[in-house]
Amino acid sequence: MLREFTDQLNTKITINYPPKRIISVVPSQTELLFELGLNEEVIGLTKFCIHPEAAFKAKTKIGGTKKLNIELIRSLKPDLIIGNKEENTREDIELLQKEFPVWMSDIYTLEDAMQTISQIGELVDRQPEASYLNHLIRAGFTDLQTLALERGINKTVAYLIWKGPYMLAGRDTFINDILVKNGLTNVTRESRYPETDLEELAALKPGLVLLSSEPYPFREKHIEELKIAIPAAKVMLVDGEMFSWYGSRLVKAVQYLFQLQNELK
């Protein structure tokens, strides 16, 4: 049967419900779809949709999040494409919207992420599974916030996502909201992903510098450079998926962030 849905950019789509041929062009949302049990329905994903591994190996790769293979997508004849405003290019999405139902998310906070899980659950006829995931996420992050207060975690943090030039996760990002929920205050007041250099970074006087594993693959060798520039700061490598993937990975992120808080006490 046909059903109408409105996505998070306020675009209305009509799909054959429930959808049977789904393409996901966002890694965290791809993982969510498999967690919801849509192993057969998901027919295409990007080269960055690496979780779960078995599904990644088995499914058709339709390019990268920023450069989709439109012709390959056409050949797969999806009845639903699921994307995200930040992850995908406007050009690709507008092109696909002319031919297929495209549902878009727009996520800045944990609450946005949970709403997305609920809405995707409804979109693909997996409401109970989505509700259970949200139950686990809500309980876990409530505990994390409580523990951050009890442990007196109150540090200023610079979260680096890129090198050459250095780039920070700023305000108005999902990463920033996860930092705040763990007792951390972003040193930059700029929005989105501002560029910086070591001199500017040192002037912000962060007590903590987190080097993300993605999108830039920071490694141990990068720690020393930051320590020299900001000797008073604690510099750590962190798993970027645990701070920026806003689907079912949030369940795993809870345990990871518990352990991170232990290191920050």
Protein backbone atom coordinates (compact mmCIF):
# COMPACT_ATOMS: atom_id res chain seq x y z
CA MET A 1 0.00 0.00 0.00
CA LEU A 2 1.04 3.61 -0.48
CA ARG A 3 1.92 5.71 2.57
CA GLU A 4 3.07 9.30 2.89
CA PHE A 5 5.87 10.39 5.22
CA THR A 6 7.50 13.75 5.97
CA ASP A 7 11.26 13.77 6.47
CA GLN A 8 13.32 16.04 8.75
CA LEU A 9 13.76 18.64 6.01
CA ASN A 10 9.96 18.84 5.78
CA THR A 11 9.85 17.07 2.42
CA LYS A 12 6.89 14.78 1.81
CA ILE A 13 7.51 11.41 0.18
CA THR A 14 5.14 8.62 -0.84
CA ILE A 15 6.41 5.03 -0.68
CA ASN A 16 5.16 1.51 -1.20
CA TYR A 17 4.81 0.42 2.42
CA PRO A 18 6.67 -1.34 3.83
CA PRO A 19 9.64 -0.68 1.51
CA LYS A 20 11.37 -3.76 0.08
CA ARG A 21 14.35 -2.24 -1.78
CA ILE A 22 16.19 0.26 0.44
CA ILE A 23 19.42 2.13 -0.27
CA SER A 24 21.14 3.88 2.65
CA VAL A 25 23.75 6.54 1.92
CA VAL A 26 24.79 7.26 5.53
CA PRO A 27 26.97 4.80 7.51
CA SER A 28 25.33 5.21 10.92
CA GLN A 29 21.84 4.93 9.45
CA THR A 30 22.89 1.88 7.41
CA GLU A 31 24.01 0.16 10.61
CA LEU A 32 20.69 1.08 12.20
CA LEU A 33 18.73 -0.54 9.36
CA PHE A 34 20.55 -3.83 9.82
CA GLU A 35 20.07 -3.60 13.60
CA LEU A 36 16.35 -3.23 12.91
CA GLY A 37 16.46 -6.54 11.02
CA LEU A 38 16.35 -5.31 7.41
CA ASN A 39 19.03 -7.66 6.10
CA GLU A 40 17.09 -8.53 2.95
CA GLU A 41 15.54 -5.13 2.32
CA VAL A 42 18.79 -3.13 2.24
CA ILE A 43 20.14 -3.58 -1.29
CA GLY A 44 22.75 -0.81 -1.51
CA LEU A 45 25.08 1.19 0.74
CA THR A 46 28.16 3.40 0.53
CA LYS A 47 31.80 2.34 0.73
CA PHE A 48 31.91 3.93 4.20
CA CYS A 49 28.99 1.84 5.57
CA ILE A 50 31.42 -0.61 7.20
CA HIS A 51 29.11 -1.94 9.95
CA PRO A 52 28.04 -4.69 10.18
CA GLU A 53 31.03 -6.22 8.41
CA ALA A 54 29.19 -9.18 6.84
CA ALA A 55 26.55 -6.93 5.33
CA PHE A 56 29.17 -4.48 4.09
CA LYS A 57 30.93 -7.27 2.20
CA ALA A 58 27.74 -8.69 0.74
CA LYS A 59 25.85 -5.59 -0.42
CA THR A 60 26.28 -3.42 -3.51
CA LYS A 61 28.45 -0.30 -2.93
CA ILE A 62 26.95 2.78 -4.57
CA GLY A 63 29.89 5.18 -4.13
CA GLY A 64 30.83 7.44 -1.22
CA THR A 65 28.56 9.60 0.90
CA LYS A 66 29.67 12.77 -0.94
CA LYS A 67 29.92 11.19 -4.40
CA LEU A 68 27.12 8.77 -5.13
CA ASN A 69 27.06 6.57 -8.23
CA ILE A 70 23.71 7.75 -9.57
CA GLU A 71 23.63 5.32 -12.50
CA LEU A 72 24.26 2.34 -10.22
CA ILE A 73 21.53 3.53 -7.87
CA ARG A 74 19.14 3.76 -10.82
CA SER A 75 19.98 0.21 -11.86
CA LEU A 76 19.07 -1.08 -8.38
CA LYS A 77 15.57 0.43 -8.61
CA PRO A 78 15.17 1.33 -4.90
CA ASP A 79 11.74 2.03 -3.48
CA LEU A 80 13.33 4.11 -0.68
CA ILE A 81 16.63 6.00 -0.24
CA ILE A 82 17.64 7.21 3.23
CA GLY A 83 20.16 10.07 3.54
CA ASN A 84 21.29 12.94 5.77
CA LYS A 85 21.63 16.68 5.16
CA GLU A 86 25.21 16.93 6.44
CA GLU A 87 26.56 13.63 5.10
CA ASN A 88 25.30 13.86 1.52
CA THR A 89 25.58 16.58 -1.12
CA ARG A 90 22.55 18.65 -2.01
CA GLU A 91 23.28 18.08 -5.72
CA ASP A 92 23.16 14.27 -5.42
CA ILE A 93 20.06 14.27 -3.24
CA GLU A 94 18.09 16.67 -5.44
CA LEU A 95 18.95 14.54 -8.47
CA LEU A 96 17.75 11.37 -6.75
CA GLN A 97 14.58 13.06 -5.46
CA LYS A 98 13.43 13.55 -9.06
CA GLU A 99 13.29 9.77 -9.51
CA PHE A 100 12.96 8.09 -6.11
CA PRO A 101 11.46 8.63 -2.64
CA VAL A 102 14.34 10.07 -0.59
CA TRP A 103 13.94 10.46 3.18
CA MET A 104 16.45 12.85 4.80
CA SER A 105 17.52 13.25 8.41
CA ASP A 106 19.00 16.41 9.98
CA ILE A 107 20.69 15.70 13.30
CA TYR A 108 22.38 17.98 15.84
CA THR A 109 21.64 16.41 19.24
CA LEU A 110 21.14 13.05 20.92
CA GLU A 111 17.43 13.84 21.09
CA ASP A 112 17.42 14.41 17.31
CA ALA A 113 19.14 11.05 16.85
CA MET A 114 16.54 9.24 18.94
CA GLN A 115 13.74 10.93 17.01
CA THR A 116 15.42 9.74 13.80
CA ILE A 117 15.55 6.17 15.08
CA SER A 118 11.82 6.37 15.85
CA GLN A 119 10.97 7.88 12.49
CA ILE A 120 13.06 5.40 10.51
CA GLY A 121 11.50 2.60 12.56
CA GLU A 122 8.07 3.79 11.43
CA LEU A 123 9.26 4.32 7.86
CA VAL A 124 10.46 0.71 7.52
CA ASP A 125 7.81 -0.98 9.71
CA ARG A 126 10.12 -1.74 12.64
CA GLN A 127 8.59 0.41 15.40
CA PRO A 128 9.03 -2.06 18.32
CA GLU A 129 12.70 -2.63 17.49
CA ALA A 130 13.31 1.12 17.21
CA SER A 131 11.56 1.77 20.51
CA TYR A 132 13.75 -0.80 22.26
CA LEU A 133 16.93 0.77 20.89
CA ASN A 134 15.78 4.18 22.11
CA HIS A 135 15.01 2.71 25.54
CA LEU A 136 18.59 1.46 25.82
CA ILE A 137 20.06 4.73 24.55
CA ARG A 138 17.94 6.90 26.84
CA ALA A 139 18.76 4.82 29.92
CA GLY A 140 22.46 4.71 29.09
CA PHE A 141 22.90 8.41 28.47
CA THR A 142 20.84 9.31 31.54
CA ASP A 143 23.32 7.26 33.58
CA LEU A 144 26.26 8.88 31.79
CA GLN A 145 25.03 12.38 32.62
CA THR A 146 24.42 11.43 36.23
CA LEU A 147 27.88 9.92 36.57
CA ALA A 148 29.55 12.94 34.96
CA LEU A 149 27.97 15.10 37.66
CA GLU A 150 28.85 12.69 40.46
CA ARG A 151 32.44 12.41 39.24
CA GLY A 152 32.78 16.18 38.94
CA ILE A 153 33.85 16.01 35.30
CA ASN A 154 34.07 19.62 34.16
CA LYS A 155 36.78 20.02 31.54
CA THR A 156 37.20 22.28 28.55
CA VAL A 157 37.79 20.23 25.42
CA ALA A 158 39.03 20.64 21.87
CA TYR A 159 37.74 17.83 19.63
CA LEU A 160 39.86 17.62 16.47
CA ILE A 161 38.41 15.97 13.38
CA TRP A 162 41.02 16.94 10.74
CA LYS A 163 44.66 17.83 10.18
CA GLY A 164 46.09 19.96 7.38
CA PRO A 165 44.45 22.26 8.32
CA TYR A 166 43.35 21.35 11.82
CA MET A 167 39.58 21.40 12.15
CA LEU A 168 37.45 21.30 15.29
CA ALA A 169 34.01 19.94 15.97
CA GLY A 170 32.30 23.17 17.00
CA ARG A 171 28.95 24.09 18.48
CA ASP A 172 25.73 23.05 16.72
CA THR A 173 27.10 19.58 16.00
CA PHE A 174 26.10 16.14 17.21
CA ILE A 175 29.64 15.64 18.53
CA ASN A 176 29.31 18.76 20.69
CA ASP A 177 26.10 17.46 22.24
CA ILE A 178 27.77 14.15 23.15
CA LEU A 179 30.68 16.08 24.74
CA VAL A 180 28.28 18.19 26.80
CA LYS A 181 26.39 15.13 28.02
CA ASN A 182 29.66 13.83 29.44
CA GLY A 183 30.53 16.95 31.41
CA LEU A 184 32.77 18.53 28.77
CA THR A 185 32.64 22.13 27.49
CA ASN A 186 33.76 22.89 23.95
CA VAL A 187 36.58 25.48 23.88
CA THR A 188 35.40 26.92 20.58
CA ARG A 189 32.29 29.04 20.39
CA GLU A 190 32.17 28.73 16.62
CA SER A 191 29.54 26.63 14.90
CA ARG A 192 29.98 23.52 12.80
CA TYR A 193 33.61 22.67 11.90
CA PRO A 194 35.94 25.69 12.15
CA GLU A 195 39.56 25.60 11.00
CA THR A 196 42.29 26.36 13.52
CA ASP A 197 46.05 26.11 14.00
CA LEU A 198 48.19 25.12 16.96
CA GLU A 199 48.73 28.73 18.06
CA GLU A 200 45.01 29.50 18.09
CA LEU A 201 44.30 26.19 19.78
CA ALA A 202 46.82 26.87 22.54
CA ALA A 203 45.24 30.31 23.10
CA LEU A 204 41.89 28.62 23.79
CA LYS A 205 43.57 26.75 26.70
CA PRO A 206 41.74 23.42 26.49
CA GLY A 207 42.22 21.11 29.46
CA LEU A 208 41.61 18.16 27.15
CA VAL A 209 42.33 17.55 23.47
CA LEU A 210 40.54 14.63 21.80
CA LEU A 211 41.93 13.35 18.50
CA SER A 212 39.21 11.54 16.56
CA SER A 213 39.82 8.37 14.56
CA GLU A 214 37.60 9.76 11.78
CA PRO A 215 37.25 11.41 9.35
CA TYR A 216 40.99 12.07 9.75
CA PRO A 217 42.77 8.98 11.09
CA PHE A 218 44.66 10.49 14.03
CA ARG A 219 47.25 8.12 15.51
CA GLU A 220 49.69 7.98 18.42
CA LYS A 221 52.30 9.87 16.38
CA HIS A 222 50.04 12.95 16.34
CA ILE A 223 49.76 13.17 20.13
CA GLU A 224 53.27 14.52 20.67
CA GLU A 225 52.74 17.51 18.37
CA LEU A 226 49.69 18.56 20.38
CA LYS A 227 51.45 17.98 23.70
CA ILE A 228 54.31 20.26 22.65
CA ALA A 229 51.89 22.98 21.55
CA ILE A 230 49.58 22.69 24.59
CA PRO A 231 51.66 21.16 27.41
CA ALA A 232 48.98 21.74 30.06
CA ALA A 233 46.36 19.72 28.16
CA LYS A 234 45.65 16.01 28.37
CA VAL A 235 45.76 14.65 24.79
CA MET A 236 43.90 11.44 23.92
CA LEU A 237 42.92 9.40 20.89
CA VAL A 238 39.20 8.60 20.73
CA ASP A 239 36.97 6.41 18.58
CA GLY A 240 35.16 8.86 16.32
CA GLU A 241 32.30 6.44 15.70
CA MET A 242 31.35 6.65 19.38
CA PHE A 243 30.98 10.44 19.16
CA SER A 244 29.52 10.93 15.71
CA TRP A 245 27.52 7.85 14.64
CA TYR A 246 23.92 8.61 15.57
CA GLY A 247 22.14 5.33 14.94
CA SER A 248 22.20 2.06 16.86
CA ARG A 249 25.95 2.53 17.54
CA LEU A 250 24.82 4.83 20.37
CA VAL A 251 24.06 1.70 22.40
CA LYS A 252 27.73 0.66 22.14
CA ALA A 253 28.82 4.27 22.71
CA VAL A 254 27.39 4.23 26.24
CA GLN A 255 29.92 1.66 27.49
CA TYR A 256 32.75 3.39 25.62
CA LEU A 257 31.87 6.74 27.21
CA PHE A 258 31.63 5.16 30.68
CA GLN A 259 35.23 4.04 30.25
CA LEU A 260 36.27 7.44 28.91
CA GLN A 261 34.77 9.15 31.95
CA ASN A 262 36.85 6.82 34.16
CA GLU A 263 39.99 8.17 32.47
CA LEU A 264 38.88 11.77 33.00
CA LYS A 265 38.02 11.56 36.72
